[in-house]
C-alpha cells in the first residue's frame, strides 16, 4: 500500500520522523525501509 504525503515543506520532517519511529517500534531500520519504499514507488513525499 503506497503512502503519499502532500503538504507544506515544514511538515515533511515530522512525517518522516513519525514513520521512522513506527519502523523502529516494529524492529526495522528506517534507512533501509524508507529507501526500499521510495525505490518501489510506495512512498511519495510532495511538499512545497
C-alpha atoms as a PDB file:
ATOM      1  CA  UNK A   1       0.000   0.000   0.000  1.00  0.00           C
ATOM      2  CA  UNK A   2       1.535   3.330  -1.034  1.00  0.00           C
ATOM      3  CA  UNK A   3       1.983   6.233   1.346  1.00  0.00           C
ATOM      4  CA  UNK A   4       1.517   9.671  -0.166  1.00  0.00           C
ATOM      5  CA  UNK A   5       2.395  12.816   1.782  1.00  0.00           C
ATOM      6  CA  UNK A   6       1.374  16.164   0.367  1.00  0.00           C
ATOM      7  CA  UNK A   7       1.637  19.419   2.263  1.00  0.00           C
ATOM      8  CA  UNK A   8       3.905  22.138   3.484  1.00  0.00           C
ATOM      9  CA  UNK A   9       7.664  21.584   3.352  1.00  0.00           C
ATOM     10  CA  UNK A  10       7.827  22.240   7.117  1.00  0.00           C
ATOM     11  CA  UNK A  11       5.629  19.163   7.708  1.00  0.00           C
ATOM     12  CA  UNK A  12       7.898  16.745   5.857  1.00  0.00           C
ATOM     13  CA  UNK A  13      10.462  16.259   8.632  1.00  0.00           C
ATOM     14  CA  UNK A  14       7.800  15.487  11.242  1.00  0.00           C
ATOM     15  CA  UNK A  15       6.100  12.956   8.984  1.00  0.00           C
ATOM     16  CA  UNK A  16       9.387  11.219   8.182  1.00  0.00           C
ATOM     17  CA  UNK A  17      10.325  11.131  11.871  1.00  0.00           C
ATOM     18  CA  UNK A  18       6.941   9.584  12.718  1.00  0.00           C
ATOM     19  CA  UNK A  19       7.434   6.920  10.041  1.00  0.00           C
ATOM     20  CA  UNK A  20      10.932   6.281  11.408  1.00  0.00           C
ATOM     21  CA  UNK A  21       9.561   5.808  14.919  1.00  0.00           C
ATOM     22  CA  UNK A  22       6.914   3.371  13.672  1.00  0.00           C
ATOM     23  CA  UNK A  23       9.541   1.379  11.777  1.00  0.00           C
ATOM     24  CA  UNK A  24      11.802   1.267  14.846  1.00  0.00           C
ATOM     25  CA  UNK A  25       8.926   0.077  17.049  1.00  0.00           C
ATOM     26  CA  UNK A  26       8.445  -2.765  14.571  1.00  0.00           C
ATOM     27  CA  UNK A  27      12.149  -3.644  14.872  1.00  0.00           C
ATOM     28  CA  UNK A  28      13.043  -2.263  11.436  1.00  0.00           C
ATOM     29  CA  UNK A  29      15.751   0.144  10.324  1.00  0.00           C
ATOM     30  CA  UNK A  30      14.086   3.222   8.813  1.00  0.00           C
ATOM     31  CA  UNK A  31      17.010   3.974   6.474  1.00  0.00           C
ATOM     32  CA  UNK A  32      16.565   0.572   4.846  1.00  0.00           C
ATOM     33  CA  UNK A  33      12.757   0.556   4.897  1.00  0.00           C
ATOM     34  CA  UNK A  34      12.395   4.163   3.706  1.00  0.00           C
ATOM     35  CA  UNK A  35      14.832   3.654   0.844  1.00  0.00           C
ATOM     36  CA  UNK A  36      13.049   0.459  -0.235  1.00  0.00           C
ATOM     37  CA  UNK A  37       9.632   2.146  -0.105  1.00  0.00           C
ATOM     38  CA  UNK A  38      10.871   5.027  -2.268  1.00  0.00           C
ATOM     39  CA  UNK A  39      12.629   2.691  -4.714  1.00  0.00           C
ATOM     40  CA  UNK A  40       9.461   0.589  -5.069  1.00  0.00           C
ATOM     41  CA  UNK A  41       7.301   3.689  -5.576  1.00  0.00           C
ATOM     42  CA  UNK A  42       5.451   3.069  -2.306  1.00  0.00           C
ATOM     43  CA  UNK A  43       6.470   6.302  -0.547  1.00  0.00           C
ATOM     44  CA  UNK A  44       5.849   9.674  -2.160  1.00  0.00           C
ATOM     45  CA  UNK A  45       6.688  12.987  -0.481  1.00  0.00           C
ATOM     46  CA  UNK A  46       5.314  16.011  -2.290  1.00  0.00           C
ATOM     47  CA  UNK A  47       5.888  19.122  -0.246  1.00  0.00           C
ATOM     48  CA  UNK A  48       6.077  22.761  -1.162  1.00  0.00           C
END
